[in-house]
Amino acid sequence: MIIGLVVGNVVSTVKHSLYRGKKILLVQPYGSSQKPKGNTMVAVDTVGAGIGEMVLVAAEGRAASEILDVPRGPVRSIIVGIIDAIQTDEE
């Protein structure tokens, strides 16, 4: 699982049938220090997230396939939760 910040939308008029009717977002991964870490990723939204929200991303194809109920599809990352707060031992 990855914590990330939704930084944009992806709009495509021609796409694989699996993506029809699904919102696709750009997510910037964040590290444990709550600072950007790594490259922006594309993720299918299943929870109604929007730009500026912190989200929980399952970034492995099998989880995405099971959540979307497709045996094998072209999906690697899927947003599975919107984060309300993050608490660490340092706080």
PDB file of N, CA and C in Angstrom:
ATOM      1  N   MET A   1       0.838  -1.184   0.000  1.00  0.00           N
ATOM      2  CA  MET A   1       0.000   0.000   0.000  1.00  0.00           C
ATOM      3  C   MET A   1       0.877   1.238   0.000  1.00  0.00           C
ATOM      4  N   ILE A   2       0.379   2.259  -0.648  1.00  0.00           N
ATOM      5  CA  ILE A   2       1.099   3.517  -0.777  1.00  0.00           C
ATOM      6  C   ILE A   2       0.181   4.652  -0.340  1.00  0.00           C
ATOM      7  N   ILE A   3       0.737   5.605   0.389  1.00  0.00           N
ATOM      8  CA  ILE A   3       0.024   6.839   0.712  1.00  0.00           C
ATOM      9  C   ILE A   3       0.397   7.846  -0.356  1.00  0.00           C
ATOM     10  N   GLY A   4      -0.602   8.575  -0.867  1.00  0.00           N
ATOM     11  CA  GLY A   4      -0.309   9.550  -1.903  1.00  0.00           C
ATOM     12  C   GLY A   4      -1.286  10.704  -1.899  1.00  0.00           C
ATOM     13  N   LEU A   5      -0.936  11.734  -2.657  1.00  0.00           N
ATOM     14  CA  LEU A   5      -1.762  12.923  -2.815  1.00  0.00           C
ATOM     15  C   LEU A   5      -2.270  12.970  -4.241  1.00  0.00           C
ATOM     16  N   VAL A   6      -3.577  13.125  -4.416  1.00  0.00           N
ATOM     17  CA  VAL A   6      -4.150  13.241  -5.756  1.00  0.00           C
ATOM     18  C   VAL A   6      -3.776  14.612  -6.310  1.00  0.00           C
ATOM     19  N   VAL A   7      -3.078  14.608  -7.451  1.00  0.00           N
ATOM     20  CA  VAL A   7      -2.590  15.865  -8.028  1.00  0.00           C
ATOM     21  C   VAL A   7      -3.210  16.186  -9.385  1.00  0.00           C
ATOM     22  N   GLY A   8      -4.023  15.296  -9.926  1.00  0.00           N
ATOM     23  CA  GLY A   8      -4.622  15.591 -11.219  1.00  0.00           C
ATOM     24  C   GLY A   8      -5.549  14.502 -11.701  1.00  0.00           C
ATOM     25  N   ASN A   9      -6.260  14.810 -12.785  1.00  0.00           N
ATOM     26  CA  ASN A   9      -7.169  13.885 -13.453  1.00  0.00           C
ATOM     27  C   ASN A   9      -6.565  13.445 -14.774  1.00  0.00           C
ATOM     28  N   VAL A  10      -6.929  12.266 -15.238  1.00  0.00           N
ATOM     29  CA  VAL A  10      -6.547  11.800 -16.562  1.00  0.00           C
ATOM     30  C   VAL A  10      -7.827  11.668 -17.367  1.00  0.00           C
ATOM     31  N   VAL A  11      -7.875  12.320 -18.520  1.00  0.00           N
ATOM     32  CA  VAL A  11      -9.039  12.264 -19.395  1.00  0.00           C
ATOM     33  C   VAL A  11      -8.619  11.622 -20.712  1.00  0.00           C
ATOM     34  N   SER A  12      -9.378  10.612 -21.132  1.00  0.00           N
ATOM     35  CA  SER A  12      -9.055   9.897 -22.362  1.00  0.00           C
ATOM     36  C   SER A  12     -10.346   9.495 -23.060  1.00  0.00           C
ATOM     37  N   THR A  13     -10.465   9.847 -24.328  1.00  0.00           N
ATOM     38  CA  THR A  13     -11.671   9.476 -25.071  1.00  0.00           C
ATOM     39  C   THR A  13     -11.567   8.069 -25.645  1.00  0.00           C
ATOM     40  N   VAL A  14     -10.351   7.602 -25.888  1.00  0.00           N
ATOM     41  CA  VAL A  14     -10.136   6.239 -26.378  1.00  0.00           C
ATOM     42  C   VAL A  14      -9.361   5.490 -25.311  1.00  0.00           C
ATOM     43  N   LYS A  15      -9.949   4.394 -24.809  1.00  0.00           N
ATOM     44  CA  LYS A  15      -9.295   3.649 -23.738  1.00  0.00           C
ATOM     45  C   LYS A  15      -9.788   2.201 -23.719  1.00  0.00           C
ATOM     46  N   HIS A  16      -9.086   1.369 -22.992  1.00  0.00           N
ATOM     47  CA  HIS A  16      -9.468  -0.030 -22.807  1.00  0.00           C
ATOM     48  C   HIS A  16     -10.855  -0.071 -22.169  1.00  0.00           C
ATOM     49  N   SER A  17     -11.642  -1.063 -22.530  1.00  0.00           N
ATOM     50  CA  SER A  17     -13.018  -1.158 -22.019  1.00  0.00           C
ATOM     51  C   SER A  17     -13.083  -1.241 -20.492  1.00  0.00           C
ATOM     52  N   LEU A  18     -12.066  -1.759 -19.855  1.00  0.00           N
ATOM     53  CA  LEU A  18     -12.020  -1.838 -18.396  1.00  0.00           C
ATOM     54  C   LEU A  18     -12.109  -0.456 -17.744  1.00  0.00           C
ATOM     55  N   TYR A  19     -11.614   0.563 -18.433  1.00  0.00           N
ATOM     56  CA  TYR A  19     -11.581   1.915 -17.872  1.00  0.00           C
ATOM     57  C   TYR A  19     -12.855   2.717 -18.136  1.00  0.00           C
ATOM     58  N   ARG A  20     -13.752   2.210 -18.967  1.00  0.00           N
ATOM     59  CA  ARG A  20     -14.981   2.958 -19.257  1.00  0.00           C
ATOM     60  C   ARG A  20     -15.807   3.136 -17.997  1.00  0.00           C
ATOM     61  N   GLY A  21     -16.216   4.363 -17.751  1.00  0.00           N
ATOM     62  CA  GLY A  21     -17.023   4.663 -16.577  1.00  0.00           C
ATOM     63  C   GLY A  21     -16.237   4.775 -15.284  1.00  0.00           C
ATOM     64  N   LYS A  22     -14.924   4.722 -15.372  1.00  0.00           N
ATOM     65  CA  LYS A  22     -14.086   4.822 -14.178  1.00  0.00           C
ATOM     66  C   LYS A  22     -13.278   6.119 -14.217  1.00  0.00           C
ATOM     67  N   LYS A  23     -13.101   6.718 -13.048  1.00  0.00           N
ATOM     68  CA  LYS A  23     -12.296   7.930 -12.941  1.00  0.00           C
ATOM     69  C   LYS A  23     -10.832   7.523 -12.774  1.00  0.00           C
ATOM     70  N   ILE A  24      -9.959   8.169 -13.536  1.00  0.00           N
ATOM     71  CA  ILE A  24      -8.531   7.878 -13.475  1.00  0.00           C
ATOM     72  C   ILE A  24      -7.824   9.133 -12.964  1.00  0.00           C
ATOM     73  N   LEU A  25      -6.995   8.957 -11.923  1.00  0.00           N
ATOM     74  CA  LEU A  25      -6.342  10.093 -11.276  1.00  0.00           C
ATOM     75  C   LEU A  25      -4.830   9.952 -11.270  1.00  0.00           C
ATOM     76  N   LEU A  26      -4.148  11.099 -11.161  1.00  0.00           N
ATOM     77  CA  LEU A  26      -2.703  11.126 -10.965  1.00  0.00           C
ATOM     78  C   LEU A  26      -2.436  11.253  -9.476  1.00  0.00           C
ATOM     79  N   VAL A  27      -1.564  10.393  -8.971  1.00  0.00           N
ATOM     80  CA  VAL A  27      -1.267  10.377  -7.535  1.00  0.00           C
ATOM     81  C   VAL A  27       0.237  10.515  -7.317  1.00  0.00           C
ATOM     82  N   GLN A  28       0.622  11.466  -6.456  1.00  0.00           N
ATOM     83  CA  GLN A  28       2.020  11.652  -6.063  1.00  0.00           C
ATOM     84  C   GLN A  28       2.251  10.875  -4.782  1.00  0.00           C
ATOM     85  N   PRO A  29       3.078   9.816  -4.807  1.00  0.00           N
ATOM     86  CA  PRO A  29       3.353   9.057  -3.583  1.00  0.00           C
ATOM     87  C   PRO A  29       4.050   9.927  -2.530  1.00  0.00           C
ATOM     88  N   TYR A  30       3.753   9.626  -1.274  1.00  0.00           N
ATOM     89  CA  TYR A  30       4.372  10.323  -0.147  1.00  0.00           C
ATOM     90  C   TYR A  30       5.057   9.298   0.747  1.00  0.00           C
ATOM     91  N   GLY A  31       6.186   9.689   1.331  1.00  0.00           N
ATOM     92  CA  GLY A  31       6.910   8.824   2.253  1.00  0.00           C
ATOM     93  C   GLY A  31       6.366   8.945   3.660  1.00  0.00           C
ATOM     94  N   SER A  32       6.995   8.243   4.595  1.00  0.00           N
ATOM     95  CA  SER A  32       6.534   8.262   5.990  1.00  0.00           C
ATOM     96  C   SER A  32       6.697   9.641   6.632  1.00  0.00           C
ATOM     97  N   SER A  33       7.576  10.465   6.057  1.00  0.00           N
ATOM     98  CA  SER A  33       7.763  11.821   6.577  1.00  0.00           C
ATOM     99  C   SER A  33       6.720  12.788   6.011  1.00  0.00           C
ATOM    100  N   GLN A  34       5.746  12.243   5.289  1.00  0.00           N
ATOM    101  CA  GLN A  34       4.677  13.019   4.660  1.00  0.00           C
ATOM    102  C   GLN A  34       5.208  14.054   3.683  1.00  0.00           C
ATOM    103  N   LYS A  35       6.266  13.667   2.956  1.00  0.00           N
ATOM    104  CA  LYS A  35       6.831  14.493   1.889  1.00  0.00           C
ATOM    105  C   LYS A  35       6.818  13.681   0.601  1.00  0.00           C
ATOM    106  N   PRO A  36       6.699  14.358  -0.563  1.00  0.00           N
ATOM    107  CA  PRO A  36       6.674  13.626  -1.836  1.00  0.00           C
ATOM    108  C   PRO A  36       7.861  12.686  -1.978  1.00  0.00           C
ATOM    109  N   LYS A  37       7.573  11.494  -2.523  1.00  0.00           N
ATOM    110  CA  LYS A  37       8.609  10.485  -2.691  1.00  0.00           C
ATOM    111  C   LYS A  37       8.315   9.704  -3.972  1.00  0.00           C
ATOM    112  N   GLY A  38       9.234   9.743  -4.915  1.00  0.00           N
ATOM    113  CA  GLY A  38       9.056   8.967  -6.141  1.00  0.00           C
ATOM    114  C   GLY A  38       8.261   9.686  -7.206  1.00  0.00           C
ATOM    115  N   ASN A  39       7.969   8.942  -8.263  1.00  0.00           N
ATOM    116  CA  ASN A  39       7.279   9.491  -9.434  1.00  0.00           C
ATOM    117  C   ASN A  39       5.763   9.417  -9.296  1.00  0.00           C
ATOM    118  N   THR A  40       5.089  10.342  -9.957  1.00  0.00           N
ATOM    119  CA  THR A  40       3.636  10.352  -9.991  1.00  0.00           C
ATOM    120  C   THR A  40       3.143   9.089 -10.682  1.00  0.00           C
ATOM    121  N   MET A  41       2.026   8.534 -10.182  1.00  0.00           N
ATOM    122  CA  MET A  41       1.463   7.326 -10.777  1.00  0.00           C
ATOM    123  C   MET A  41       0.027   7.564 -11.218  1.00  0.00           C
ATOM    124  N   VAL A  42      -0.438   6.713 -12.098  1.00  0.00           N
ATOM    125  CA  VAL A  42      -1.825   6.738 -12.553  1.00  0.00           C
ATOM    126  C   VAL A  42      -2.566   5.660 -11.777  1.00  0.00           C
ATOM    127  N   ALA A  43      -3.755   6.005 -11.242  1.00  0.00           N
ATOM    128  CA  ALA A  43      -4.519   5.041 -10.454  1.00  0.00           C
ATOM    129  C   ALA A  43      -6.008   5.165 -10.765  1.00  0.00           C
ATOM    130  N   VAL A  44      -6.689   4.028 -10.773  1.00  0.00           N
ATOM    131  CA  VAL A  44      -8.135   4.002 -10.946  1.00  0.00           C
ATOM    132  C   VAL A  44      -8.767   4.309  -9.589  1.00  0.00           C
ATOM    133  N   ASP A  45      -9.733   5.227  -9.599  1.00  0.00           N
ATOM    134  CA  ASP A  45     -10.398   5.640  -8.352  1.00  0.00           C
ATOM    135  C   ASP A  45     -11.629   4.779  -8.102  1.00  0.00           C
ATOM    136  N   THR A  46     -11.735   4.208  -6.906  1.00  0.00           N
ATOM    137  CA  THR A  46     -12.920   3.420  -6.541  1.00  0.00           C
ATOM    138  C   THR A  46     -13.686   4.031  -5.373  1.00  0.00           C
ATOM    139  N   VAL A  47     -13.211   5.175  -4.871  1.00  0.00           N
ATOM    140  CA  VAL A  47     -13.811   5.739  -3.659  1.00  0.00           C
ATOM    141  C   VAL A  47     -14.294   7.183  -3.800  1.00  0.00           C
ATOM    142  N   GLY A  48     -14.184   7.771  -4.982  1.00  0.00           N
ATOM    143  CA  GLY A  48     -14.638   9.147  -5.176  1.00  0.00           C
ATOM    144  C   GLY A  48     -13.668  10.195  -4.698  1.00  0.00           C
ATOM    145  N   ALA A  49     -12.373   9.918  -4.801  1.00  0.00           N
ATOM    146  CA  ALA A  49     -11.343  10.886  -4.387  1.00  0.00           C
ATOM    147  C   ALA A  49     -11.270  12.045  -5.373  1.00  0.00           C
ATOM    148  N   GLY A  50     -10.691  13.142  -4.905  1.00  0.00           N
ATOM    149  CA  GLY A  50     -10.529  14.310  -5.756  1.00  0.00           C
ATOM    150  C   GLY A  50      -9.162  14.947  -5.557  1.00  0.00           C
ATOM    151  N   ILE A  51      -8.862  15.912  -6.403  1.00  0.00           N
ATOM    152  CA  ILE A  51      -7.584  16.607  -6.335  1.00  0.00           C
ATOM    153  C   ILE A  51      -7.410  17.238  -4.957  1.00  0.00           C
ATOM    154  N   GLY A  52      -6.206  17.051  -4.391  1.00  0.00           N
ATOM    155  CA  GLY A  52      -5.881  17.607  -3.090  1.00  0.00           C
ATOM    156  C   GLY A  52      -6.120  16.665  -1.928  1.00  0.00           C
ATOM    157  N   GLU A  53      -6.703  15.498  -2.175  1.00  0.00           N
ATOM    158  CA  GLU A  53      -6.970  14.552  -1.090  1.00  0.00           C
ATOM    159  C   GLU A  53      -5.846  13.534  -0.959  1.00  0.00           C
ATOM    160  N   MET A  54      -5.541  13.172   0.293  1.00  0.00           N
ATOM    161  CA  MET A  54      -4.592  12.100   0.561  1.00  0.00           C
ATOM    162  C   MET A  54      -5.348  10.787   0.420  1.00  0.00           C
ATOM    163  N   VAL A  55      -4.724   9.827  -0.253  1.00  0.00           N
ATOM    164  CA  VAL A  55      -5.393   8.564  -0.529  1.00  0.00           C
ATOM    165  C   VAL A  55      -4.494   7.372  -0.211  1.00  0.00           C
ATOM    166  N   LEU A  56      -5.119   6.213  -0.108  1.00  0.00           N
ATOM    167  CA  LEU A  56      -4.420   4.955   0.068  1.00  0.00           C
ATOM    168  C   LEU A  56      -4.521   4.205  -1.256  1.00  0.00           C
ATOM    169  N   VAL A  57      -3.373   3.809  -1.800  1.00  0.00           N
ATOM    170  CA  VAL A  57      -3.321   3.182  -3.121  1.00  0.00           C
ATOM    171  C   VAL A  57      -2.782   1.759  -2.991  1.00  0.00           C
ATOM    172  N   ALA A  58      -3.506   0.804  -3.568  1.00  0.00           N
ATOM    173  CA  ALA A  58      -2.994  -0.554  -3.724  1.00  0.00           C
ATOM    174  C   ALA A  58      -2.256  -0.547  -5.060  1.00  0.00           C
ATOM    175  N   ALA A  59      -0.947  -0.721  -5.004  1.00  0.00           N
ATOM    176  CA  ALA A  59      -0.126  -0.564  -6.210  1.00  0.00           C
ATOM    177  C   ALA A  59       0.438  -1.899  -6.679  1.00  0.00           C
ATOM    178  N   GLU A  60      -0.435  -2.875  -6.811  1.00  0.00           N
ATOM    179  CA  GLU A  60      -0.027  -4.175  -7.334  1.00  0.00           C
ATOM    180  C   GLU A  60      -1.204  -4.749  -8.073  1.00  0.00           C
ATOM    181  N   GLY A  61      -0.943  -5.263  -9.222  1.00  0.00           N
ATOM    182  CA  GLY A  61      -1.993  -5.665 -10.152  1.00  0.00           C
ATOM    183  C   GLY A  61      -3.025  -6.635  -9.621  1.00  0.00           C
ATOM    184  N   ARG A  62      -2.626  -7.588  -8.804  1.00  0.00           N
ATOM    185  CA  ARG A  62      -3.586  -8.589  -8.321  1.00  0.00           C
ATOM    186  C   ARG A  62      -4.671  -7.950  -7.460  1.00  0.00           C
ATOM    187  N   ALA A  63      -4.290  -7.034  -6.583  1.00  0.00           N
ATOM    188  CA  ALA A  63      -5.284  -6.353  -5.741  1.00  0.00           C
ATOM    189  C   ALA A  63      -6.266  -5.584  -6.613  1.00  0.00           C
ATOM    190  N   ALA A  64      -5.751  -4.879  -7.598  1.00  0.00           N
ATOM    191  CA  ALA A  64      -6.613  -4.109  -8.495  1.00  0.00           C
ATOM    192  C   ALA A  64      -7.579  -5.026  -9.239  1.00  0.00           C
ATOM    193  N   SER A  65      -7.077  -6.151  -9.735  1.00  0.00           N
ATOM    194  CA  SER A  65      -7.931  -7.094 -10.465  1.00  0.00           C
ATOM    195  C   SER A  65      -9.044  -7.641  -9.581  1.00  0.00           C
ATOM    196  N   GLU A  66      -8.729  -7.952  -8.323  1.00  0.00           N
ATOM    197  CA  GLU A  66      -9.743  -8.493  -7.426  1.00  0.00           C
ATOM    198  C   GLU A  66     -10.779  -7.445  -7.036  1.00  0.00           C
ATOM    199  N   ILE A  67     -10.339  -6.221  -6.789  1.00  0.00           N
ATOM    200  CA  ILE A  67     -11.277  -5.160  -6.408  1.00  0.00           C
ATOM    201  C   ILE A  67     -12.205  -4.817  -7.561  1.00  0.00           C
ATOM    202  N   LEU A  68     -11.676  -4.778  -8.779  1.00  0.00           N
ATOM    203  CA  LEU A  68     -12.484  -4.466  -9.959  1.00  0.00           C
ATOM    204  C   LEU A  68     -13.218  -5.690 -10.499  1.00  0.00           C
ATOM    205  N   ASP A  69     -12.939  -6.856  -9.924  1.00  0.00           N
ATOM    206  CA  ASP A  69     -13.563  -8.120 -10.320  1.00  0.00           C
ATOM    207  C   ASP A  69     -13.321  -8.454 -11.795  1.00  0.00           C
ATOM    208  N   VAL A  70     -12.069  -8.342 -12.191  1.00  0.00           N
ATOM    209  CA  VAL A  70     -11.656  -8.758 -13.533  1.00  0.00           C
ATOM    210  C   VAL A  70     -10.479  -9.714 -13.364  1.00  0.00           C
ATOM    211  N   PRO A  71     -10.447 -10.810 -14.137  1.00  0.00           N
ATOM    212  CA  PRO A  71      -9.382 -11.790 -13.943  1.00  0.00           C
ATOM    213  C   PRO A  71      -7.985 -11.229 -14.195  1.00  0.00           C
ATOM    214  N   ARG A  72      -7.797 -10.607 -15.302  1.00  0.00           N
ATOM    215  CA  ARG A  72      -6.499 -10.005 -15.620  1.00  0.00           C
ATOM    216  C   ARG A  72      -6.739  -8.808 -16.522  1.00  0.00           C
ATOM    217  N   GLY A  73      -6.547  -7.655 -15.973  1.00  0.00           N
ATOM    218  CA  GLY A  73      -6.758  -6.442 -16.751  1.00  0.00           C
ATOM    219  C   GLY A  73      -5.544  -5.551 -16.694  1.00  0.00           C
ATOM    220  N   PRO A  74      -5.516  -4.549 -17.542  1.00  0.00           N
ATOM    221  CA  PRO A  74      -4.380  -3.633 -17.573  1.00  0.00           C
ATOM    222  C   PRO A  74      -4.457  -2.578 -16.465  1.00  0.00           C
ATOM    223  N   VAL A  75      -4.504  -3.036 -15.210  1.00  0.00           N
ATOM    224  CA  VAL A  75      -4.584  -2.121 -14.070  1.00  0.00           C
ATOM    225  C   VAL A  75      -3.523  -2.521 -13.062  1.00  0.00           C
ATOM    226  N   ARG A  76      -2.729  -1.568 -12.633  1.00  0.00           N
ATOM    227  CA  ARG A  76      -1.718  -1.840 -11.620  1.00  0.00           C
ATOM    228  C   ARG A  76      -2.048  -1.135 -10.314  1.00  0.00           C
ATOM    229  N   SER A  77      -2.493   0.124 -10.375  1.00  0.00           N
ATOM    230  CA  SER A  77      -2.722   0.920  -9.164  1.00  0.00           C
ATOM    231  C   SER A  77      -4.183   1.307  -9.048  1.00  0.00           C
ATOM    232  N   ILE A  78      -4.711   1.179  -7.825  1.00  0.00           N
ATOM    233  CA  ILE A  78      -6.121   1.478  -7.595  1.00  0.00           C
ATOM    234  C   ILE A  78      -6.263   2.183  -6.240  1.00  0.00           C
ATOM    235  N   ILE A  79      -7.045   3.248  -6.231  1.00  0.00           N
ATOM    236  CA  ILE A  79      -7.272   3.995  -4.991  1.00  0.00           C
ATOM    237  C   ILE A  79      -8.348   3.266  -4.199  1.00  0.00           C
ATOM    238  N   VAL A  80      -7.997   2.882  -2.959  1.00  0.00           N
ATOM    239  CA  VAL A  80      -8.914   2.092  -2.131  1.00  0.00           C
ATOM    240  C   VAL A  80      -9.393   2.829  -0.888  1.00  0.00           C
ATOM    241  N   GLY A  81      -8.896   4.036  -0.647  1.00  0.00           N
ATOM    242  CA  GLY A  81      -9.344   4.776   0.530  1.00  0.00           C
ATOM    243  C   GLY A  81      -8.927   6.233   0.491  1.00  0.00           C
ATOM    244  N   ILE A  82      -9.709   7.064   1.149  1.00  0.00           N
ATOM    245  CA  ILE A  82      -9.371   8.480   1.338  1.00  0.00           C
ATOM    246  C   ILE A  82      -8.922   8.617   2.791  1.00  0.00           C
ATOM    247  N   ILE A  83      -7.761   9.214   2.995  1.00  0.00           N
ATOM    248  CA  ILE A  83      -7.173   9.325   4.327  1.00  0.00           C
ATOM    249  C   ILE A  83      -7.668  10.598   5.017  1.00  0.00           C
ATOM    250  N   ASP A  84      -8.195  10.433   6.223  1.00  0.00           N
ATOM    251  CA  ASP A  84      -8.645  11.579   7.019  1.00  0.00           C
ATOM    252  C   ASP A  84      -7.506  12.165   7.828  1.00  0.00           C
ATOM    253  N   ALA A  85      -6.655  11.308   8.404  1.00  0.00           N
ATOM    254  CA  ALA A  85      -5.540  11.780   9.227  1.00  0.00           C
ATOM    255  C   ALA A  85      -4.471  10.717   9.270  1.00  0.00           C
ATOM    256  N   ILE A  86      -3.231  11.171   9.502  1.00  0.00           N
ATOM    257  CA  ILE A  86      -2.104  10.255   9.668  1.00  0.00           C
ATOM    258  C   ILE A  86      -1.447  10.597  11.002  1.00  0.00           C
ATOM    259  N   GLN A  87      -1.264   9.599  11.838  1.00  0.00           N
ATOM    260  CA  GLN A  87      -0.638   9.796  13.131  1.00  0.00           C
ATOM    261  C   GLN A  87       0.589   8.894  13.217  1.00  0.00           C
ATOM    262  N   THR A  88       1.709   9.454  13.646  1.00  0.00           N
ATOM    263  CA  THR A  88       2.935   8.677  13.816  1.00  0.00           C
ATOM    264  C   THR A  88       3.383   8.749  15.271  1.00  0.00           C
ATOM    265  N   ASP A  89       4.383   7.950  15.611  1.00  0.00           N
ATOM    266  CA  ASP A  89       4.926   7.968  16.975  1.00  0.00           C
ATOM    267  C   ASP A  89       5.564   9.301  17.323  1.00  0.00           C
ATOM    268  N   GLU A  90       5.990  10.043  16.308  1.00  0.00           N
ATOM    269  CA  GLU A  90       6.684  11.306  16.518  1.00  0.00           C
ATOM    270  C   GLU A  90       5.747  12.404  16.992  1.00  0.00           C
ATOM    271  N   GLU A  91       4.446  12.201  16.892  1.00  0.00           N
ATOM    272  CA  GLU A  91       3.491  13.252  17.236  1.00  0.00           C
ATOM    273  C   GLU A  91       2.988  13.134  18.646  1.00  0.00           C
TER     274      GLU A  91
END
